[in-house]
Amino acid sequence: MEVQIFGVKKSAETRKALRFFAERRIKTHFVDLTERAASPGELARFVQKFGTAALVDEASRRFAELGLRHAQWSDERWLNLLVDEPLLLRMPLVRSGKWLSVGLAESDWKSWIAVNQAN
């Protein structure tokens, strides 16, 4: 099993996700969004499963700085903004094969590991 984690090092939730998988000796590939933005195609997978609203962290400092509280945009426009402004994302975004999660989702991750071990 291999996991890809999108986030930033300053995010406590991202660090918890990295620790969760490290403690279980699961190989991780960390993508630091401050160094390399997620591609539109990669983010589109998460949008397709969870919707744009689930990816936007409305409590983030960057959301307030950009004055987005009353923004009523299409999913396509939000997706473009999330590619350009990764600090607006709810972190971490975790992907393992067909499985995806947004935010700290330890119960989901545990079920992925259980299914993987059963196979």
PDB file of N, CA and C in Angstrom:
ATOM      1  N   MET A   1       0.855  -1.184   0.000  1.00  0.00           N
ATOM      2  CA  MET A   1       0.000   0.000   0.000  1.00  0.00           C
ATOM      3  C   MET A   1       0.892   1.236   0.000  1.00  0.00           C
ATOM      4  N   GLU A   2       0.496   2.189  -0.800  1.00  0.00           N
ATOM      5  CA  GLU A   2       1.209   3.452  -0.883  1.00  0.00           C
ATOM      6  C   GLU A   2       0.190   4.581  -0.835  1.00  0.00           C
ATOM      7  N   VAL A   3       0.566   5.679  -0.171  1.00  0.00           N
ATOM      8  CA  VAL A   3      -0.353   6.794   0.044  1.00  0.00           C
ATOM      9  C   VAL A   3       0.303   8.086  -0.419  1.00  0.00           C
ATOM     10  N   GLN A   4      -0.489   8.936  -1.063  1.00  0.00           N
ATOM     11  CA  GLN A   4      -0.027  10.256  -1.462  1.00  0.00           C
ATOM     12  C   GLN A   4      -0.754  11.275  -0.593  1.00  0.00           C
ATOM     13  N   ILE A   5       0.015  12.155   0.049  1.00  0.00           N
ATOM     14  CA  ILE A   5      -0.546  13.156   0.951  1.00  0.00           C
ATOM     15  C   ILE A   5      -0.214  14.541   0.411  1.00  0.00           C
ATOM     16  N   PHE A   6      -1.267  15.337   0.176  1.00  0.00           N
ATOM     17  CA  PHE A   6      -1.108  16.720  -0.247  1.00  0.00           C
ATOM     18  C   PHE A   6      -1.358  17.609   0.965  1.00  0.00           C
ATOM     19  N   GLY A   7      -0.447  18.517   1.246  1.00  0.00           N
ATOM     20  CA  GLY A   7      -0.619  19.417   2.378  1.00  0.00           C
ATOM     21  C   GLY A   7       0.557  20.364   2.492  1.00  0.00           C
ATOM     22  N   VAL A   8       0.646  21.010   3.639  1.00  0.00           N
ATOM     23  CA  VAL A   8       1.789  21.881   3.937  1.00  0.00           C
ATOM     24  C   VAL A   8       2.358  21.472   5.292  1.00  0.00           C
ATOM     25  N   LYS A   9       3.654  21.666   5.448  1.00  0.00           N
ATOM     26  CA  LYS A   9       4.331  21.239   6.670  1.00  0.00           C
ATOM     27  C   LYS A   9       3.820  21.967   7.910  1.00  0.00           C
ATOM     28  N   LYS A  10       3.315  23.188   7.744  1.00  0.00           N
ATOM     29  CA  LYS A  10       2.823  23.959   8.889  1.00  0.00           C
ATOM     30  C   LYS A  10       1.466  23.474   9.398  1.00  0.00           C
ATOM     31  N   SER A  11       0.779  22.662   8.629  1.00  0.00           N
ATOM     32  CA  SER A  11      -0.549  22.186   8.990  1.00  0.00           C
ATOM     33  C   SER A  11      -0.453  21.037   9.998  1.00  0.00           C
ATOM     34  N   ALA A  12      -1.087  21.208  11.157  1.00  0.00           N
ATOM     35  CA  ALA A  12      -1.078  20.162  12.187  1.00  0.00           C
ATOM     36  C   ALA A  12      -1.756  18.896  11.683  1.00  0.00           C
ATOM     37  N   GLU A  13      -2.836  19.040  10.928  1.00  0.00           N
ATOM     38  CA  GLU A  13      -3.545  17.873  10.408  1.00  0.00           C
ATOM     39  C   GLU A  13      -2.692  17.107   9.403  1.00  0.00           C
ATOM     40  N   THR A  14      -1.934  17.827   8.600  1.00  0.00           N
ATOM     41  CA  THR A  14      -1.040  17.168   7.643  1.00  0.00           C
ATOM     42  C   THR A  14       0.033  16.387   8.385  1.00  0.00           C
ATOM     43  N   ARG A  15       0.612  16.991   9.410  1.00  0.00           N
ATOM     44  CA  ARG A  15       1.631  16.289  10.204  1.00  0.00           C
ATOM     45  C   ARG A  15       1.042  15.051  10.877  1.00  0.00           C
ATOM     46  N   LYS A  16      -0.202  15.132  11.355  1.00  0.00           N
ATOM     47  CA  LYS A  16      -0.862  13.968  11.967  1.00  0.00           C
ATOM     48  C   LYS A  16      -1.050  12.851  10.941  1.00  0.00           C
ATOM     49  N   ALA A  17      -1.422  13.212   9.722  1.00  0.00           N
ATOM     50  CA  ALA A  17      -1.593  12.203   8.666  1.00  0.00           C
ATOM     51  C   ALA A  17      -0.261  11.526   8.352  1.00  0.00           C
ATOM     52  N   LEU A  18       0.785  12.309   8.225  1.00  0.00           N
ATOM     53  CA  LEU A  18       2.103  11.737   7.957  1.00  0.00           C
ATOM     54  C   LEU A  18       2.524  10.790   9.078  1.00  0.00           C
ATOM     55  N   ARG A  19       2.277  11.199  10.316  1.00  0.00           N
ATOM     56  CA  ARG A  19       2.620  10.367  11.476  1.00  0.00           C
ATOM     57  C   ARG A  19       1.778   9.091  11.496  1.00  0.00           C
ATOM     58  N   PHE A  20       0.476   9.214  11.214  1.00  0.00           N
ATOM     59  CA  PHE A  20      -0.430   8.061  11.198  1.00  0.00           C
ATOM     60  C   PHE A  20       0.113   6.961  10.291  1.00  0.00           C
ATOM     61  N   PHE A  21       0.478   7.323   9.061  1.00  0.00           N
ATOM     62  CA  PHE A  21       0.954   6.321   8.112  1.00  0.00           C
ATOM     63  C   PHE A  21       2.368   5.855   8.448  1.00  0.00           C
ATOM     64  N   ALA A  22       3.212   6.742   8.959  1.00  0.00           N
ATOM     65  CA  ALA A  22       4.568   6.343   9.345  1.00  0.00           C
ATOM     66  C   ALA A  22       4.537   5.326  10.480  1.00  0.00           C
ATOM     67  N   GLU A  23       3.647   5.524  11.451  1.00  0.00           N
ATOM     68  CA  GLU A  23       3.529   4.594  12.565  1.00  0.00           C
ATOM     69  C   GLU A  23       3.106   3.205  12.103  1.00  0.00           C
ATOM     70  N   ARG A  24       2.420   3.131  10.991  1.00  0.00           N
ATOM     71  CA  ARG A  24       1.945   1.850  10.453  1.00  0.00           C
ATOM     72  C   ARG A  24       2.850   1.336   9.334  1.00  0.00           C
ATOM     73  N   ARG A  25       3.991   1.993   9.180  1.00  0.00           N
ATOM     74  CA  ARG A  25       4.999   1.634   8.176  1.00  0.00           C
ATOM     75  C   ARG A  25       4.416   1.550   6.765  1.00  0.00           C
ATOM     76  N   ILE A  26       3.611   2.539   6.445  1.00  0.00           N
ATOM     77  CA  ILE A  26       3.024   2.623   5.105  1.00  0.00           C
ATOM     78  C   ILE A  26       3.772   3.704   4.342  1.00  0.00           C
ATOM     79  N   LYS A  27       4.216   3.359   3.160  1.00  0.00           N
ATOM     80  CA  LYS A  27       4.995   4.284   2.340  1.00  0.00           C
ATOM     81  C   LYS A  27       4.131   5.479   1.935  1.00  0.00           C
ATOM     82  N   THR A  28       4.674   6.667   2.153  1.00  0.00           N
ATOM     83  CA  THR A  28       3.947   7.886   1.793  1.00  0.00           C
ATOM     84  C   THR A  28       4.761   8.711   0.804  1.00  0.00           C
ATOM     85  N   HIS A  29       4.034   9.398  -0.034  1.00  0.00           N
ATOM     86  CA  HIS A  29       4.632  10.383  -0.926  1.00  0.00           C
ATOM     87  C   HIS A  29       3.984  11.713  -0.552  1.00  0.00           C
ATOM     88  N   PHE A  30       4.776  12.608   0.031  1.00  0.00           N
ATOM     89  CA  PHE A  30       4.256  13.886   0.499  1.00  0.00           C
ATOM     90  C   PHE A  30       4.451  14.957  -0.566  1.00  0.00           C
ATOM     91  N   VAL A  31       3.382  15.658  -0.895  1.00  0.00           N
ATOM     92  CA  VAL A  31       3.440  16.769  -1.835  1.00  0.00           C
ATOM     93  C   VAL A  31       3.187  18.043  -1.037  1.00  0.00           C
ATOM     94  N   ASP A  32       4.252  18.836  -0.866  1.00  0.00           N
ATOM     95  CA  ASP A  32       4.143  20.103  -0.138  1.00  0.00           C
ATOM     96  C   ASP A  32       3.566  21.142  -1.098  1.00  0.00           C
ATOM     97  N   LEU A  33       2.354  21.571  -0.811  1.00  0.00           N
ATOM     98  CA  LEU A  33       1.647  22.480  -1.722  1.00  0.00           C
ATOM     99  C   LEU A  33       2.254  23.875  -1.774  1.00  0.00           C
ATOM    100  N   THR A  34       3.136  24.219  -0.828  1.00  0.00           N
ATOM    101  CA  THR A  34       3.815  25.514  -0.918  1.00  0.00           C
ATOM    102  C   THR A  34       4.967  25.450  -1.920  1.00  0.00           C
ATOM    103  N   GLU A  35       5.444  24.236  -2.213  1.00  0.00           N
ATOM    104  CA  GLU A  35       6.539  24.071  -3.166  1.00  0.00           C
ATOM    105  C   GLU A  35       6.039  23.679  -4.554  1.00  0.00           C
ATOM    106  N   ARG A  36       4.985  22.865  -4.577  1.00  0.00           N
ATOM    107  CA  ARG A  36       4.441  22.392  -5.852  1.00  0.00           C
ATOM    108  C   ARG A  36       2.927  22.279  -5.734  1.00  0.00           C
ATOM    109  N   ALA A  37       2.229  23.016  -6.551  1.00  0.00           N
ATOM    110  CA  ALA A  37       0.762  22.990  -6.506  1.00  0.00           C
ATOM    111  C   ALA A  37       0.241  21.672  -7.060  1.00  0.00           C
ATOM    112  N   ALA A  38      -0.895  21.258  -6.550  1.00  0.00           N
ATOM    113  CA  ALA A  38      -1.567  20.075  -7.098  1.00  0.00           C
ATOM    114  C   ALA A  38      -2.084  20.430  -8.492  1.00  0.00           C
ATOM    115  N   SER A  39      -2.081  19.472  -9.369  1.00  0.00           N
ATOM    116  CA  SER A  39      -2.548  19.725 -10.732  1.00  0.00           C
ATOM    117  C   SER A  39      -4.074  19.834 -10.740  1.00  0.00           C
ATOM    118  N   PRO A  40      -4.617  20.533 -11.725  1.00  0.00           N
ATOM    119  CA  PRO A  40      -6.080  20.617 -11.826  1.00  0.00           C
ATOM    120  C   PRO A  40      -6.728  19.238 -11.918  1.00  0.00           C
ATOM    121  N   GLY A  41      -6.086  18.318 -12.622  1.00  0.00           N
ATOM    122  CA  GLY A  41      -6.633  16.963 -12.751  1.00  0.00           C
ATOM    123  C   GLY A  41      -6.678  16.237 -11.418  1.00  0.00           C
ATOM    124  N   GLU A  42      -5.638  16.407 -10.625  1.00  0.00           N
ATOM    125  CA  GLU A  42      -5.584  15.773  -9.304  1.00  0.00           C
ATOM    126  C   GLU A  42      -6.681  16.331  -8.402  1.00  0.00           C
ATOM    127  N   LEU A  43      -6.811  17.653  -8.378  1.00  0.00           N
ATOM    128  CA  LEU A  43      -7.859  18.265  -7.552  1.00  0.00           C
ATOM    129  C   LEU A  43      -9.246  17.910  -8.065  1.00  0.00           C
ATOM    130  N   ALA A  44      -9.380  17.740  -9.381  1.00  0.00           N
ATOM    131  CA  ALA A  44     -10.683  17.395  -9.960  1.00  0.00           C
ATOM    132  C   ALA A  44     -11.180  16.049  -9.430  1.00  0.00           C
ATOM    133  N   ARG A  45     -10.268  15.115  -9.149  1.00  0.00           N
ATOM    134  CA  ARG A  45     -10.680  13.831  -8.555  1.00  0.00           C
ATOM    135  C   ARG A  45     -11.360  14.041  -7.207  1.00  0.00           C
ATOM    136  N   PHE A  46     -10.768  14.908  -6.400  1.00  0.00           N
ATOM    137  CA  PHE A  46     -11.336  15.185  -5.076  1.00  0.00           C
ATOM    138  C   PHE A  46     -12.655  15.945  -5.203  1.00  0.00           C
ATOM    139  N   VAL A  47     -12.719  16.890  -6.151  1.00  0.00           N
ATOM    140  CA  VAL A  47     -13.954  17.645  -6.379  1.00  0.00           C
ATOM    141  C   VAL A  47     -15.061  16.717  -6.845  1.00  0.00           C
ATOM    142  N   GLN A  48     -14.734  15.772  -7.721  1.00  0.00           N
ATOM    143  CA  GLN A  48     -15.731  14.840  -8.244  1.00  0.00           C
ATOM    144  C   GLN A  48     -16.341  14.001  -7.120  1.00  0.00           C
ATOM    145  N   LYS A  49     -15.524  13.597  -6.160  1.00  0.00           N
ATOM    146  CA  LYS A  49     -16.025  12.753  -5.078  1.00  0.00           C
ATOM    147  C   LYS A  49     -16.695  13.553  -3.964  1.00  0.00           C
ATOM    148  N   PHE A  50     -16.094  14.681  -3.562  1.00  0.00           N
ATOM    149  CA  PHE A  50     -16.561  15.401  -2.382  1.00  0.00           C
ATOM    150  C   PHE A  50     -17.270  16.725  -2.685  1.00  0.00           C
ATOM    151  N   GLY A  51     -17.068  17.267  -3.875  1.00  0.00           N
ATOM    152  CA  GLY A  51     -17.610  18.584  -4.199  1.00  0.00           C
ATOM    153  C   GLY A  51     -16.632  19.678  -3.792  1.00  0.00           C
ATOM    154  N   THR A  52     -16.760  20.809  -4.420  1.00  0.00           N
ATOM    155  CA  THR A  52     -15.833  21.910  -4.171  1.00  0.00           C
ATOM    156  C   THR A  52     -15.919  22.418  -2.743  1.00  0.00           C
ATOM    157  N   ALA A  53     -17.124  22.513  -2.206  1.00  0.00           N
ATOM    158  CA  ALA A  53     -17.311  23.062  -0.863  1.00  0.00           C
ATOM    159  C   ALA A  53     -16.538  22.273   0.194  1.00  0.00           C
ATOM    160  N   ALA A  54     -16.395  20.968   0.005  1.00  0.00           N
ATOM    161  CA  ALA A  54     -15.676  20.138   0.975  1.00  0.00           C
ATOM    162  C   ALA A  54     -14.175  20.394   0.936  1.00  0.00           C
ATOM    163  N   LEU A  55     -13.667  20.902  -0.171  1.00  0.00           N
ATOM    164  CA  LEU A  55     -12.231  21.150  -0.294  1.00  0.00           C
ATOM    165  C   LEU A  55     -11.806  22.519   0.211  1.00  0.00           C
ATOM    166  N   VAL A  56     -12.729  23.462   0.249  1.00  0.00           N
ATOM    167  CA  VAL A  56     -12.389  24.832   0.643  1.00  0.00           C
ATOM    168  C   VAL A  56     -12.426  24.960   2.160  1.00  0.00           C
ATOM    169  N   ASP A  57     -11.313  25.421   2.720  1.00  0.00           N
ATOM    170  CA  ASP A  57     -11.225  25.634   4.164  1.00  0.00           C
ATOM    171  C   ASP A  57     -11.647  27.074   4.456  1.00  0.00           C
ATOM    172  N   GLU A  58     -12.925  27.245   4.787  1.00  0.00           N
ATOM    173  CA  GLU A  58     -13.457  28.583   5.026  1.00  0.00           C
ATOM    174  C   GLU A  58     -12.924  29.209   6.306  1.00  0.00           C
ATOM    175  N   ALA A  59     -12.303  28.407   7.166  1.00  0.00           N
ATOM    176  CA  ALA A  59     -11.729  28.927   8.410  1.00  0.00           C
ATOM    177  C   ALA A  59     -10.270  29.333   8.237  1.00  0.00           C
ATOM    178  N   SER A  60      -9.714  29.141   7.046  1.00  0.00           N
ATOM    179  CA  SER A  60      -8.296  29.453   6.838  1.00  0.00           C
ATOM    180  C   SER A  60      -8.069  30.960   6.782  1.00  0.00           C
ATOM    181  N   ARG A  61      -6.871  31.333   7.154  1.00  0.00           N
ATOM    182  CA  ARG A  61      -6.472  32.743   7.115  1.00  0.00           C
ATOM    183  C   ARG A  61      -6.516  33.261   5.688  1.00  0.00           C
ATOM    184  N   ARG A  62      -6.086  32.436   4.738  1.00  0.00           N
ATOM    185  CA  ARG A  62      -6.037  32.862   3.337  1.00  0.00           C
ATOM    186  C   ARG A  62      -7.440  33.132   2.789  1.00  0.00           C
ATOM    187  N   PHE A  63      -8.425  32.350   3.210  1.00  0.00           N
ATOM    188  CA  PHE A  63      -9.813  32.557   2.791  1.00  0.00           C
ATOM    189  C   PHE A  63     -10.277  33.957   3.204  1.00  0.00           C
ATOM    190  N   ALA A  64      -9.963  34.337   4.452  1.00  0.00           N
ATOM    191  CA  ALA A  64     -10.339  35.663   4.953  1.00  0.00           C
ATOM    192  C   ALA A  64      -9.564  36.763   4.233  1.00  0.00           C
ATOM    193  N   GLU A  65      -8.271  36.547   4.014  1.00  0.00           N
ATOM    194  CA  GLU A  65      -7.440  37.550   3.340  1.00  0.00           C
ATOM    195  C   GLU A  65      -7.954  37.867   1.942  1.00  0.00           C
ATOM    196  N   LEU A  66      -8.452  36.853   1.250  1.00  0.00           N
ATOM    197  CA  LEU A  66      -8.946  37.057  -0.109  1.00  0.00           C
ATOM    198  C   LEU A  66     -10.394  37.541  -0.151  1.00  0.00           C
ATOM    199  N   GLY A  67     -11.026  37.650   1.011  1.00  0.00           N
ATOM    200  CA  GLY A  67     -12.391  38.156   1.082  1.00  0.00           C
ATOM    201  C   GLY A  67     -13.401  37.288   0.353  1.00  0.00           C
ATOM    202  N   LEU A  68     -13.322  35.977   0.560  1.00  0.00           N
ATOM    203  CA  LEU A  68     -14.168  35.051  -0.191  1.00  0.00           C
ATOM    204  C   LEU A  68     -15.444  34.641   0.533  1.00  0.00           C
ATOM    205  N   ARG A  69     -15.722  35.244   1.657  1.00  0.00           N
ATOM    206  CA  ARG A  69     -16.866  34.832   2.472  1.00  0.00           C
ATOM    207  C   ARG A  69     -18.179  34.802   1.690  1.00  0.00           C
ATOM    208  N   HIS A  70     -18.375  35.743   0.779  1.00  0.00           N
ATOM    209  CA  HIS A  70     -19.641  35.817   0.050  1.00  0.00           C
ATOM    210  C   HIS A  70     -19.506  35.414  -1.422  1.00  0.00           C
ATOM    211  N   ALA A  71     -18.414  34.737  -1.762  1.00  0.00           N
ATOM    212  CA  ALA A  71     -18.181  34.333  -3.152  1.00  0.00           C
ATOM    213  C   ALA A  71     -19.184  33.251  -3.565  1.00  0.00           C
ATOM    214  N   GLN A  72     -19.819  33.452  -4.693  1.00  0.00           N
ATOM    215  CA  GLN A  72     -20.762  32.494  -5.283  1.00  0.00           C
ATOM    216  C   GLN A  72     -20.239  32.138  -6.667  1.00  0.00           C
ATOM    217  N   TRP A  73     -19.295  31.210  -6.714  1.00  0.00           N
ATOM    218  CA  TRP A  73     -18.629  30.884  -7.964  1.00  0.00           C
ATOM    219  C   TRP A  73     -18.982  29.486  -8.429  1.00  0.00           C
ATOM    220  N   SER A  74     -18.711  29.250  -9.705  1.00  0.00           N
ATOM    221  CA  SER A  74     -18.906  27.910 -10.265  1.00  0.00           C
ATOM    222  C   SER A  74     -17.802  26.992  -9.752  1.00  0.00           C
ATOM    223  N   ASP A  75     -18.041  25.681  -9.851  1.00  0.00           N
ATOM    224  CA  ASP A  75     -17.029  24.714  -9.437  1.00  0.00           C
ATOM    225  C   ASP A  75     -15.734  24.886 -10.229  1.00  0.00           C
ATOM    226  N   GLU A  76     -15.865  25.196 -11.511  1.00  0.00           N
ATOM    227  CA  GLU A  76     -14.682  25.372 -12.357  1.00  0.00           C
ATOM    228  C   GLU A  76     -13.827  26.553 -11.869  1.00  0.00           C
ATOM    229  N   ARG A  77     -14.485  27.652 -11.519  1.00  0.00           N
ATOM    230  CA  ARG A  77     -13.740  28.826 -11.034  1.00  0.00           C
ATOM    231  C   ARG A  77     -13.094  28.538  -9.677  1.00  0.00           C
ATOM    232  N   TRP A  78     -13.801  27.835  -8.793  1.00  0.00           N
ATOM    233  CA  TRP A  78     -13.225  27.452  -7.500  1.00  0.00           C
ATOM    234  C   TRP A  78     -12.014  26.550  -7.720  1.00  0.00           C
ATOM    235  N   LEU A  79     -12.133  25.597  -8.640  1.00  0.00           N
ATOM    236  CA  LEU A  79     -11.033  24.674  -8.912  1.00  0.00           C
ATOM    237  C   LEU A  79      -9.792  25.432  -9.370  1.00  0.00           C
ATOM    238  N   ASN A  80      -9.970  26.387 -10.271  1.00  0.00           N
ATOM    239  CA  ASN A  80      -8.844  27.197 -10.743  1.00  0.00           C
ATOM    240  C   ASN A  80      -8.226  27.989  -9.595  1.00  0.00           C
ATOM    241  N   LEU A  81      -9.059  28.519  -8.711  1.00  0.00           N
ATOM    242  CA  LEU A  81      -8.544  29.276  -7.571  1.00  0.00           C
ATOM    243  C   LEU A  81      -7.784  28.358  -6.612  1.00  0.00           C
ATOM    244  N   LEU A  82      -8.282  27.142  -6.387  1.00  0.00           N
ATOM    245  CA  LEU A  82      -7.611  26.209  -5.488  1.00  0.00           C
ATOM    246  C   LEU A  82      -6.249  25.772  -6.031  1.00  0.00           C
ATOM    247  N   VAL A  83      -6.119  25.693  -7.340  1.00  0.00           N
ATOM    248  CA  VAL A  83      -4.823  25.372  -7.943  1.00  0.00           C
ATOM    249  C   VAL A  83      -3.850  26.520  -7.687  1.00  0.00           C
ATOM    250  N   ASP A  84      -4.329  27.761  -7.852  1.00  0.00           N
ATOM    251  CA  ASP A  84      -3.473  28.941  -7.672  1.00  0.00           C
ATOM    252  C   ASP A  84      -3.231  29.282  -6.206  1.00  0.00           C
ATOM    253  N   GLU A  85      -4.172  28.946  -5.337  1.00  0.00           N
ATOM    254  CA  GLU A  85      -4.101  29.298  -3.907  1.00  0.00           C
ATOM    255  C   GLU A  85      -4.265  28.037  -3.054  1.00  0.00           C
ATOM    256  N   PRO A  86      -3.232  27.203  -2.973  1.00  0.00           N
ATOM    257  CA  PRO A  86      -3.367  25.939  -2.241  1.00  0.00           C
ATOM    258  C   PRO A  86      -3.646  26.098  -0.749  1.00  0.00           C
ATOM    259  N   LEU A  87      -3.360  27.261  -0.183  1.00  0.00           N
ATOM    260  CA  LEU A  87      -3.631  27.462   1.240  1.00  0.00           C
ATOM    261  C   LEU A  87      -5.129  27.580   1.535  1.00  0.00           C
ATOM    262  N   LEU A  88      -5.956  27.594   0.492  1.00  0.00           N
ATOM    263  CA  LEU A  88      -7.404  27.586   0.671  1.00  0.00           C
ATOM    264  C   LEU A  88      -7.950  26.167   0.866  1.00  0.00           C
ATOM    265  N   LEU A  89      -7.119  25.168   0.604  1.00  0.00           N
ATOM    266  CA  LEU A  89      -7.562  23.772   0.696  1.00  0.00           C
ATOM    267  C   LEU A  89      -7.674  23.305   2.138  1.00  0.00           C
ATOM    268  N   ARG A  90      -8.682  22.481   2.394  1.00  0.00           N
ATOM    269  CA  ARG A  90      -8.772  21.776   3.677  1.00  0.00           C
ATOM    270  C   ARG A  90      -7.759  20.645   3.587  1.00  0.00           C
ATOM    271  N   MET A  91      -6.848  20.599   4.539  1.00  0.00           N
ATOM    272  CA  MET A  91      -5.746  19.642   4.471  1.00  0.00           C
ATOM    273  C   MET A  91      -5.828  18.622   5.589  1.00  0.00           C
ATOM    274  N   PRO A  92      -5.230  17.468   5.349  1.00  0.00           N
ATOM    275  CA  PRO A  92      -4.562  17.015   4.139  1.00  0.00           C
ATOM    276  C   PRO A  92      -5.538  16.390   3.148  1.00  0.00           C
ATOM    277  N   LEU A  93      -5.125  16.357   1.908  1.00  0.00           N
ATOM    278  CA  LEU A  93      -5.818  15.575   0.888  1.00  0.00           C
ATOM    279  C   LEU A  93      -5.011  14.287   0.764  1.00  0.00           C
ATOM    280  N   VAL A  94      -5.666  13.159   0.951  1.00  0.00           N
ATOM    281  CA  VAL A  94      -4.962  11.875   0.951  1.00  0.00           C
ATOM    282  C   VAL A  94      -5.558  10.974  -0.126  1.00  0.00           C
ATOM    283  N   ARG A  95      -4.650  10.324  -0.876  1.00  0.00           N
ATOM    284  CA  ARG A  95      -5.074   9.440  -1.946  1.00  0.00           C
ATOM    285  C   ARG A  95      -4.283   8.147  -1.885  1.00  0.00           C
ATOM    286  N   SER A  96      -4.996   7.050  -1.990  1.00  0.00           N
ATOM    287  CA  SER A  96      -4.364   5.738  -2.112  1.00  0.00           C
ATOM    288  C   SER A  96      -5.165   4.955  -3.136  1.00  0.00           C
ATOM    289  N   GLY A  97      -4.624   4.861  -4.332  1.00  0.00           N
ATOM    290  CA  GLY A  97      -5.350   4.194  -5.412  1.00  0.00           C
ATOM    291  C   GLY A  97      -6.665   4.894  -5.688  1.00  0.00           C
ATOM    292  N   LYS A  98      -7.774   4.174  -5.538  1.00  0.00           N
ATOM    293  CA  LYS A  98      -9.104   4.746  -5.797  1.00  0.00           C
ATOM    294  C   LYS A  98      -9.682   5.458  -4.575  1.00  0.00           C
ATOM    295  N   TRP A  99      -9.040   5.312  -3.419  1.00  0.00           N
ATOM    296  CA  TRP A  99      -9.559   5.915  -2.189  1.00  0.00           C
ATOM    297  C   TRP A  99      -9.065   7.344  -2.022  1.00  0.00           C
ATOM    298  N   LEU A 100      -9.966   8.207  -1.579  1.00  0.00           N
ATOM    299  CA  LEU A 100      -9.647   9.616  -1.360  1.00  0.00           C
ATOM    300  C   LEU A 100     -10.213  10.063  -0.023  1.00  0.00           C
ATOM    301  N   SER A 101      -9.524  11.010   0.619  1.00  0.00           N
ATOM    302  CA  SER A 101     -10.077  11.617   1.828  1.00  0.00           C
ATOM    303  C   SER A 101      -9.649  13.078   1.893  1.00  0.00           C
ATOM    304  N   VAL A 102     -10.464  13.871   2.575  1.00  0.00           N
ATOM    305  CA  VAL A 102     -10.190  15.287   2.775  1.00  0.00           C
ATOM    306  C   VAL A 102     -10.169  15.533   4.273  1.00  0.00           C
ATOM    307  N   GLY A 103      -9.113  16.183   4.747  1.00  0.00           N
ATOM    308  CA  GLY A 103      -8.995  16.462   6.175  1.00  0.00           C
ATOM    309  C   GLY A 103      -8.515  15.240   6.940  1.00  0.00           C
ATOM    310  N   LEU A 104      -8.521  15.367   8.252  1.00  0.00           N
ATOM    311  CA  LEU A 104      -8.081  14.279   9.122  1.00  0.00           C
ATOM    312  C   LEU A 104      -9.171  13.216   9.148  1.00  0.00           C
ATOM    313  N   ALA A 105      -8.897  12.050   8.552  1.00  0.00           N
ATOM    314  CA  ALA A 105      -9.912  11.002   8.398  1.00  0.00           C
ATOM    315  C   ALA A 105      -9.333   9.651   8.800  1.00  0.00           C
ATOM    316  N   GLU A 106      -8.922   9.541  10.052  1.00  0.00           N
ATOM    317  CA  GLU A 106      -8.254   8.319  10.508  1.00  0.00           C
ATOM    318  C   GLU A 106      -9.132   7.076  10.362  1.00  0.00           C
ATOM    319  N   SER A 107     -10.426   7.193  10.595  1.00  0.00           N
ATOM    320  CA  SER A 107     -11.293   6.013  10.458  1.00  0.00           C
ATOM    321  C   SER A 107     -11.318   5.518   9.013  1.00  0.00           C
ATOM    322  N   ASP A 108     -11.332   6.438   8.055  1.00  0.00           N
ATOM    323  CA  ASP A 108     -11.264   6.055   6.639  1.00  0.00           C
ATOM    324  C   ASP A 108      -9.936   5.364   6.340  1.00  0.00           C
ATOM    325  N   TRP A 109      -8.857   5.948   6.832  1.00  0.00           N
ATOM    326  CA  TRP A 109      -7.533   5.385   6.574  1.00  0.00           C
ATOM    327  C   TRP A 109      -7.407   3.982   7.164  1.00  0.00           C
ATOM    328  N   LYS A 110      -7.955   3.787   8.361  1.00  0.00           N
ATOM    329  CA  LYS A 110      -7.908   2.463   8.986  1.00  0.00           C
ATOM    330  C   LYS A 110      -8.669   1.442   8.143  1.00  0.00           C
ATOM    331  N   SER A 111      -9.801   1.852   7.577  1.00  0.00           N
ATOM    332  CA  SER A 111     -10.565   0.923   6.732  1.00  0.00           C
ATOM    333  C   SER A 111      -9.801   0.607   5.458  1.00  0.00           C
ATOM    334  N   TRP A 112      -9.075   1.594   4.887  1.00  0.00           N
ATOM    335  CA  TRP A 112      -8.254   1.327   3.709  1.00  0.00           C
ATOM    336  C   TRP A 112      -7.195   0.278   4.016  1.00  0.00           C
ATOM    337  N   ILE A 113      -6.554   0.435   5.172  1.00  0.00           N
ATOM    338  CA  ILE A 113      -5.498  -0.497   5.574  1.00  0.00           C
ATOM    339  C   ILE A 113      -6.079  -1.901   5.781  1.00  0.00           C
ATOM    340  N   ALA A 114      -7.241  -1.980   6.417  1.00  0.00           N
ATOM    341  CA  ALA A 114      -7.878  -3.277   6.652  1.00  0.00           C
ATOM    342  C   ALA A 114      -8.213  -3.973   5.340  1.00  0.00           C
ATOM    343  N   VAL A 115      -8.779  -3.229   4.389  1.00  0.00           N
ATOM    344  CA  VAL A 115      -9.121  -3.809   3.085  1.00  0.00           C
ATOM    345  C   VAL A 115      -7.844  -4.249   2.362  1.00  0.00           C
ATOM    346  N   ASN A 116      -6.813  -3.422   2.440  1.00  0.00           N
ATOM    347  CA  ASN A 116      -5.549  -3.740   1.783  1.00  0.00           C
ATOM    348  C   ASN A 116      -4.915  -5.002   2.376  1.00  0.00           C
ATOM    349  N   GLN A 117      -4.990  -5.155   3.692  1.00  0.00           N
ATOM    350  CA  GLN A 117      -4.399  -6.316   4.352  1.00  0.00           C
ATOM    351  C   GLN A 117      -5.205  -7.581   4.079  1.00  0.00           C
ATOM    352  N   ALA A 118      -6.508  -7.424   3.862  1.00  0.00           N
ATOM    353  CA  ALA A 118      -7.371  -8.577   3.590  1.00  0.00           C
ATOM    354  C   ALA A 118      -7.101  -9.156   2.201  1.00  0.00           C
ATOM    355  N   ASN A 119      -6.619  -8.314   1.296  1.00  0.00           N
ATOM    356  CA  ASN A 119      -6.360  -8.769  -0.084  1.00  0.00           C
ATOM    357  C   ASN A 119      -5.071  -9.454  -0.181  1.00  0.00           C
TER     358      ASN A 119
END
